[in-house]
Each structure stands twice: as structure tokens, then as C-alpha cells.
């Protein structure tokens, strides 16, 4: 059996540093009034033999 696997991971902060409008809320409440939780994006890459896979996750 060939157990030659490779993997890589990266994460970055994507929290905006400027006011943004929320989509899907009433017009009176669509402005953001602060940051409750930071937003991030992650990517994981896998390789086994000649097969490559990528998994991406983005907070929204």
C-alpha cells in the first residue's frame, strides 16, 4: 500500500475594517453596528498519488 499523503492548511482573517450593509435584513437594520465575531476563510489541500483535493470554508 502507498501511504504517500500530503496536506496543507491556511487560514486568514476576512473581517472588514469598514462599515458594511447586511443583506436580507430590513432597511432600518441593515447597517452593521460593530463586530461580534471575526470572520475567517480556511483552505485545506490534500494530495495522494495523482489525486488532488481542495476544501474551502468561508465565514459569512
PDB file of N, CA and C in Angstrom:
ATOM      1  N   UNK A   1       0.833  -1.188   0.000  1.00  0.00           N
ATOM      2  CA  UNK A   1       0.000   0.000   0.000  1.00  0.00           C
ATOM      3  C   UNK A   1       0.874   1.246   0.000  1.00  0.00           C
ATOM      4  N   UNK A   2       0.414   2.243  -0.717  1.00  0.00           N
ATOM      5  CA  UNK A   2       1.134   3.506  -0.777  1.00  0.00           C
ATOM      6  C   UNK A   2       0.438   4.518   0.122  1.00  0.00           C
ATOM      7  N   UNK A   3       1.111   4.920   1.210  1.00  0.00           N
ATOM      8  CA  UNK A   3       0.544   5.894   2.146  1.00  0.00           C
ATOM      9  C   UNK A   3       1.195   7.260   1.980  1.00  0.00           C
ATOM     10  N   UNK A   4       1.544   7.611   0.769  1.00  0.00           N
ATOM     11  CA  UNK A   4       2.199   8.880   0.500  1.00  0.00           C
ATOM     12  C   UNK A   4       1.154   9.983   0.363  1.00  0.00           C
ATOM     13  N   UNK A   5       0.773  10.565   1.491  1.00  0.00           N
ATOM     14  CA  UNK A   5      -0.212  11.640   1.512  1.00  0.00           C
ATOM     15  C   UNK A   5       0.494  12.957   1.790  1.00  0.00           C
ATOM     16  N   UNK A   6      -0.053  14.036   1.220  1.00  0.00           N
ATOM     17  CA  UNK A   6       0.420  15.379   1.530  1.00  0.00           C
ATOM     18  C   UNK A   6      -0.798  16.222   1.883  1.00  0.00           C
ATOM     19  N   UNK A   7      -0.607  17.171   2.795  1.00  0.00           N
ATOM     20  CA  UNK A   7      -1.704  18.056   3.175  1.00  0.00           C
ATOM     21  C   UNK A   7      -1.139  19.428   3.515  1.00  0.00           C
ATOM     22  N   UNK A   8      -1.944  20.454   3.285  1.00  0.00           N
ATOM     23  CA  UNK A   8      -1.569  21.822   3.635  1.00  0.00           C
ATOM     24  C   UNK A   8      -2.816  22.549   4.109  1.00  0.00           C
ATOM     25  N   UNK A   9      -2.639  23.499   5.024  1.00  0.00           N
ATOM     26  CA  UNK A   9      -3.750  24.254   5.588  1.00  0.00           C
ATOM     27  C   UNK A   9      -3.352  25.719   5.698  1.00  0.00           C
ATOM     28  N   UNK A  10      -4.311  26.601   5.439  1.00  0.00           N
ATOM     29  CA  UNK A  10      -4.091  28.026   5.639  1.00  0.00           C
ATOM     30  C   UNK A  10      -5.391  28.670   6.097  1.00  0.00           C
ATOM     31  N   UNK A  11      -5.252  29.724   6.892  1.00  0.00           N
ATOM     32  CA  UNK A  11      -6.403  30.475   7.398  1.00  0.00           C
ATOM     33  C   UNK A  11      -6.051  31.948   7.402  1.00  0.00           C
ATOM     34  N   UNK A  12      -7.051  32.784   7.086  1.00  0.00           N
ATOM     35  CA  UNK A  12      -6.820  34.221   7.101  1.00  0.00           C
ATOM     36  C   UNK A  12      -8.064  34.944   7.618  1.00  0.00           C
ATOM     37  N   UNK A  13      -7.855  36.099   8.203  1.00  0.00           N
ATOM     38  CA  UNK A  13      -8.932  36.935   8.718  1.00  0.00           C
ATOM     39  C   UNK A  13      -9.525  37.734   7.563  1.00  0.00           C
ATOM     40  N   UNK A  14     -10.857  37.656   7.386  1.00  0.00           N
ATOM     41  CA  UNK A  14     -11.520  38.413   6.325  1.00  0.00           C
ATOM     42  C   UNK A  14     -12.536  39.404   6.902  1.00  0.00           C
ATOM     43  N   UNK A  15     -12.412  39.730   8.186  1.00  0.00           N
ATOM     44  CA  UNK A  15     -13.314  40.682   8.813  1.00  0.00           C
ATOM     45  C   UNK A  15     -13.091  42.057   8.190  1.00  0.00           C
ATOM     46  N   UNK A  16     -14.148  42.686   7.649  1.00  0.00           N
ATOM     47  CA  UNK A  16     -13.968  44.009   7.049  1.00  0.00           C
ATOM     48  C   UNK A  16     -13.591  45.047   8.102  1.00  0.00           C
ATOM     49  N   UNK A  17     -12.754  46.005   7.734  1.00  0.00           N
ATOM     50  CA  UNK A  17     -12.367  47.072   8.663  1.00  0.00           C
ATOM     51  C   UNK A  17     -13.087  48.380   8.330  1.00  0.00           C
ATOM     52  N   UNK A  18     -14.229  48.254   7.644  1.00  0.00           N
ATOM     53  CA  UNK A  18     -15.046  49.403   7.275  1.00  0.00           C
ATOM     54  C   UNK A  18     -16.520  48.987   7.406  1.00  0.00           C
ATOM     55  N   UNK A  19     -17.426  49.949   7.576  1.00  0.00           N
ATOM     56  CA  UNK A  19     -18.848  49.606   7.712  1.00  0.00           C
ATOM     57  C   UNK A  19     -19.392  48.937   6.440  1.00  0.00           C
ATOM     58  N   UNK A  20     -20.188  47.915   6.623  1.00  0.00           N
ATOM     59  CA  UNK A  20     -20.827  47.223   5.505  1.00  0.00           C
ATOM     60  C   UNK A  20     -22.326  47.109   5.774  1.00  0.00           C
ATOM     61  N   UNK A  21     -23.092  46.899   4.724  1.00  0.00           N
ATOM     62  CA  UNK A  21     -24.526  46.693   4.864  1.00  0.00           C
ATOM     63  C   UNK A  21     -24.819  45.203   4.849  1.00  0.00           C
ATOM     64  N   UNK A  22     -25.716  44.790   5.727  1.00  0.00           N
ATOM     65  CA  UNK A  22     -26.131  43.395   5.790  1.00  0.00           C
ATOM     66  C   UNK A  22     -27.220  43.165   4.745  1.00  0.00           C
ATOM     67  N   UNK A  23     -27.192  42.043   4.091  1.00  0.00           N
ATOM     68  CA  UNK A  23     -28.195  41.682   3.099  1.00  0.00           C
ATOM     69  C   UNK A  23     -29.231  40.785   3.773  1.00  0.00           C
ATOM     70  N   UNK A  24     -30.502  40.983   3.421  1.00  0.00           N
ATOM     71  CA  UNK A  24     -31.548  40.131   3.950  1.00  0.00           C
ATOM     72  C   UNK A  24     -32.183  40.647   5.229  1.00  0.00           C
ATOM     73  N   UNK A  25     -31.885  41.870   5.614  1.00  0.00           N
ATOM     74  CA  UNK A  25     -32.486  42.471   6.801  1.00  0.00           C
ATOM     75  C   UNK A  25     -33.307  43.675   6.384  1.00  0.00           C
ATOM     76  N   UNK A  26     -34.127  44.176   7.274  1.00  0.00           N
ATOM     77  CA  UNK A  26     -34.945  45.345   6.955  1.00  0.00           C
ATOM     78  C   UNK A  26     -34.036  46.557   6.737  1.00  0.00           C
ATOM     79  N   UNK A  27     -34.457  47.524   5.918  1.00  0.00           N
ATOM     80  CA  UNK A  27     -33.610  48.696   5.626  1.00  0.00           C
ATOM     81  C   UNK A  27     -33.188  49.467   6.876  1.00  0.00           C
ATOM     82  N   UNK A  28     -34.010  49.456   7.916  1.00  0.00           N
ATOM     83  CA  UNK A  28     -33.659  50.179   9.144  1.00  0.00           C
ATOM     84  C   UNK A  28     -32.547  49.484   9.927  1.00  0.00           C
ATOM     85  N   UNK A  29     -32.390  48.180   9.708  1.00  0.00           N
ATOM     86  CA  UNK A  29     -31.426  47.400  10.498  1.00  0.00           C
ATOM     87  C   UNK A  29     -30.281  46.857   9.654  1.00  0.00           C
ATOM     88  N   UNK A  30     -30.094  47.348   8.429  1.00  0.00           N
ATOM     89  CA  UNK A  30     -29.089  46.722   7.560  1.00  0.00           C
ATOM     90  C   UNK A  30     -27.665  47.236   7.780  1.00  0.00           C
ATOM     91  N   UNK A  31     -27.467  48.252   8.608  1.00  0.00           N
ATOM     92  CA  UNK A  31     -26.113  48.736   8.896  1.00  0.00           C
ATOM     93  C   UNK A  31     -25.518  47.930  10.059  1.00  0.00           C
ATOM     94  N   UNK A  32     -24.272  47.577   9.924  1.00  0.00           N
ATOM     95  CA  UNK A  32     -23.566  46.861  10.981  1.00  0.00           C
ATOM     96  C   UNK A  32     -23.170  47.860  12.067  1.00  0.00           C
ATOM     97  N   UNK A  33     -23.366  47.487  13.327  1.00  0.00           N
ATOM     98  CA  UNK A  33     -23.026  48.408  14.418  1.00  0.00           C
ATOM     99  C   UNK A  33     -21.880  47.885  15.280  1.00  0.00           C
ATOM    100  N   UNK A  34     -21.073  47.003  14.754  1.00  0.00           N
ATOM    101  CA  UNK A  34     -19.913  46.501  15.489  1.00  0.00           C
ATOM    102  C   UNK A  34     -19.602  45.072  15.082  1.00  0.00           C
ATOM    103  N   UNK A  35     -18.493  44.574  15.581  1.00  0.00           N
ATOM    104  CA  UNK A  35     -18.054  43.214  15.277  1.00  0.00           C
ATOM    105  C   UNK A  35     -18.329  42.331  16.483  1.00  0.00           C
ATOM    106  N   UNK A  36     -19.178  41.320  16.288  1.00  0.00           N
ATOM    107  CA  UNK A  36     -19.448  40.367  17.360  1.00  0.00           C
ATOM    108  C   UNK A  36     -18.451  39.210  17.320  1.00  0.00           C
ATOM    109  N   UNK A  37     -18.138  38.744  16.115  1.00  0.00           N
ATOM    110  CA  UNK A  37     -17.196  37.642  15.928  1.00  0.00           C
ATOM    111  C   UNK A  37     -16.371  37.930  14.673  1.00  0.00           C
ATOM    112  N   UNK A  38     -15.079  37.696  14.704  1.00  0.00           N
ATOM    113  CA  UNK A  38     -14.271  37.891  13.497  1.00  0.00           C
ATOM    114  C   UNK A  38     -14.642  36.855  12.424  1.00  0.00           C
ATOM    115  N   UNK A  39     -14.468  37.222  11.179  1.00  0.00           N
ATOM    116  CA  UNK A  39     -14.737  36.322  10.062  1.00  0.00           C
ATOM    117  C   UNK A  39     -13.410  35.795   9.522  1.00  0.00           C
ATOM    118  N   UNK A  40     -13.426  34.556   9.074  1.00  0.00           N
ATOM    119  CA  UNK A  40     -12.193  33.987   8.536  1.00  0.00           C
ATOM    120  C   UNK A  40     -12.499  33.088   7.341  1.00  0.00           C
ATOM    121  N   UNK A  41     -11.459  32.786   6.604  1.00  0.00           N
ATOM    122  CA  UNK A  41     -11.527  31.849   5.480  1.00  0.00           C
ATOM    123  C   UNK A  41     -10.428  30.824   5.677  1.00  0.00           C
ATOM    124  N   UNK A  42     -10.750  29.567   5.398  1.00  0.00           N
ATOM    125  CA  UNK A  42      -9.777  28.486   5.535  1.00  0.00           C
ATOM    126  C   UNK A  42      -9.730  27.685   4.243  1.00  0.00           C
ATOM    127  N   UNK A  43      -8.571  27.132   3.972  1.00  0.00           N
ATOM    128  CA  UNK A  43      -8.405  26.234   2.835  1.00  0.00           C
ATOM    129  C   UNK A  43      -7.533  25.054   3.270  1.00  0.00           C
ATOM    130  N   UNK A  44      -7.940  23.862   2.844  1.00  0.00           N
ATOM    131  CA  UNK A  44      -7.174  22.644   3.114  1.00  0.00           C
ATOM    132  C   UNK A  44      -6.927  21.966   1.769  1.00  0.00           C
ATOM    133  N   UNK A  45      -5.682  21.624   1.518  1.00  0.00           N
ATOM    134  CA  UNK A  45      -5.306  20.930   0.288  1.00  0.00           C
ATOM    135  C   UNK A  45      -4.807  19.535   0.640  1.00  0.00           C
ATOM    136  N   UNK A  46      -5.245  18.541  -0.133  1.00  0.00           N
ATOM    137  CA  UNK A  46      -4.805  17.161   0.055  1.00  0.00           C
ATOM    138  C   UNK A  46      -4.272  16.633  -1.264  1.00  0.00           C
ATOM    139  N   UNK A  47      -3.263  15.779  -1.169  1.00  0.00           N
ATOM    140  CA  UNK A  47      -2.746  15.120  -2.361  1.00  0.00           C
ATOM    141  C   UNK A  47      -2.385  13.694  -2.006  1.00  0.00           C
ATOM    142  N   UNK A  48      -2.825  12.767  -2.865  1.00  0.00           N
ATOM    143  CA  UNK A  48      -2.488  11.347  -2.721  1.00  0.00           C
ATOM    144  C   UNK A  48      -2.288  10.783  -4.119  1.00  0.00           C
ATOM    145  N   UNK A  49      -1.104  10.264  -4.348  1.00  0.00           N
ATOM    146  CA  UNK A  49      -0.707   9.792  -5.670  1.00  0.00           C
ATOM    147  C   UNK A  49      -0.923  10.935  -6.664  1.00  0.00           C
ATOM    148  N   UNK A  50      -1.786  10.791  -7.658  1.00  0.00           N
ATOM    149  CA  UNK A  50      -2.019  11.860  -8.624  1.00  0.00           C
ATOM    150  C   UNK A  50      -3.337  12.588  -8.396  1.00  0.00           C
ATOM    151  N   UNK A  51      -3.991  12.322  -7.284  1.00  0.00           N
ATOM    152  CA  UNK A  51      -5.269  12.956  -6.982  1.00  0.00           C
ATOM    153  C   UNK A  51      -5.060  14.142  -6.055  1.00  0.00           C
ATOM    154  N   UNK A  52      -5.731  15.254  -6.365  1.00  0.00           N
ATOM    155  CA  UNK A  52      -5.648  16.458  -5.535  1.00  0.00           C
ATOM    156  C   UNK A  52      -7.059  16.902  -5.172  1.00  0.00           C
ATOM    157  N   UNK A  53      -7.198  17.367  -3.929  1.00  0.00           N
ATOM    158  CA  UNK A  53      -8.487  17.800  -3.416  1.00  0.00           C
ATOM    159  C   UNK A  53      -8.305  19.126  -2.675  1.00  0.00           C
ATOM    160  N   UNK A  54      -9.324  19.961  -2.736  1.00  0.00           N
ATOM    161  CA  UNK A  54      -9.287  21.257  -2.070  1.00  0.00           C
ATOM    162  C   UNK A  54     -10.616  21.472  -1.350  1.00  0.00           C
ATOM    163  N   UNK A  55     -10.550  21.863  -0.096  1.00  0.00           N
ATOM    164  CA  UNK A  55     -11.738  22.190   0.695  1.00  0.00           C
ATOM    165  C   UNK A  55     -11.602  23.639   1.152  1.00  0.00           C
ATOM    166  N   UNK A  56     -12.620  24.453   0.847  1.00  0.00           N
ATOM    167  CA  UNK A  56     -12.600  25.870   1.199  1.00  0.00           C
ATOM    168  C   UNK A  56     -13.797  26.175   2.096  1.00  0.00           C
ATOM    169  N   UNK A  57     -13.568  26.908   3.178  1.00  0.00           N
ATOM    170  CA  UNK A  57     -14.631  27.348   4.086  1.00  0.00           C
ATOM    171  C   UNK A  57     -14.511  28.844   4.291  1.00  0.00           C
ATOM    172  N   UNK A  58     -15.644  29.546   4.171  1.00  0.00           N
ATOM    173  CA  UNK A  58     -15.655  30.998   4.310  1.00  0.00           C
ATOM    174  C   UNK A  58     -16.783  31.379   5.261  1.00  0.00           C
ATOM    175  N   UNK A  59     -16.454  32.127   6.327  1.00  0.00           N
ATOM    176  CA  UNK A  59     -17.475  32.649   7.237  1.00  0.00           C
ATOM    177  C   UNK A  59     -18.252  33.746   6.529  1.00  0.00           C
ATOM    178  N   UNK A  60     -19.539  33.789   6.776  1.00  0.00           N
ATOM    179  CA  UNK A  60     -20.353  34.859   6.193  1.00  0.00           C
ATOM    180  C   UNK A  60     -21.444  35.263   7.169  1.00  0.00           C
TER     181      UNK A  60
END
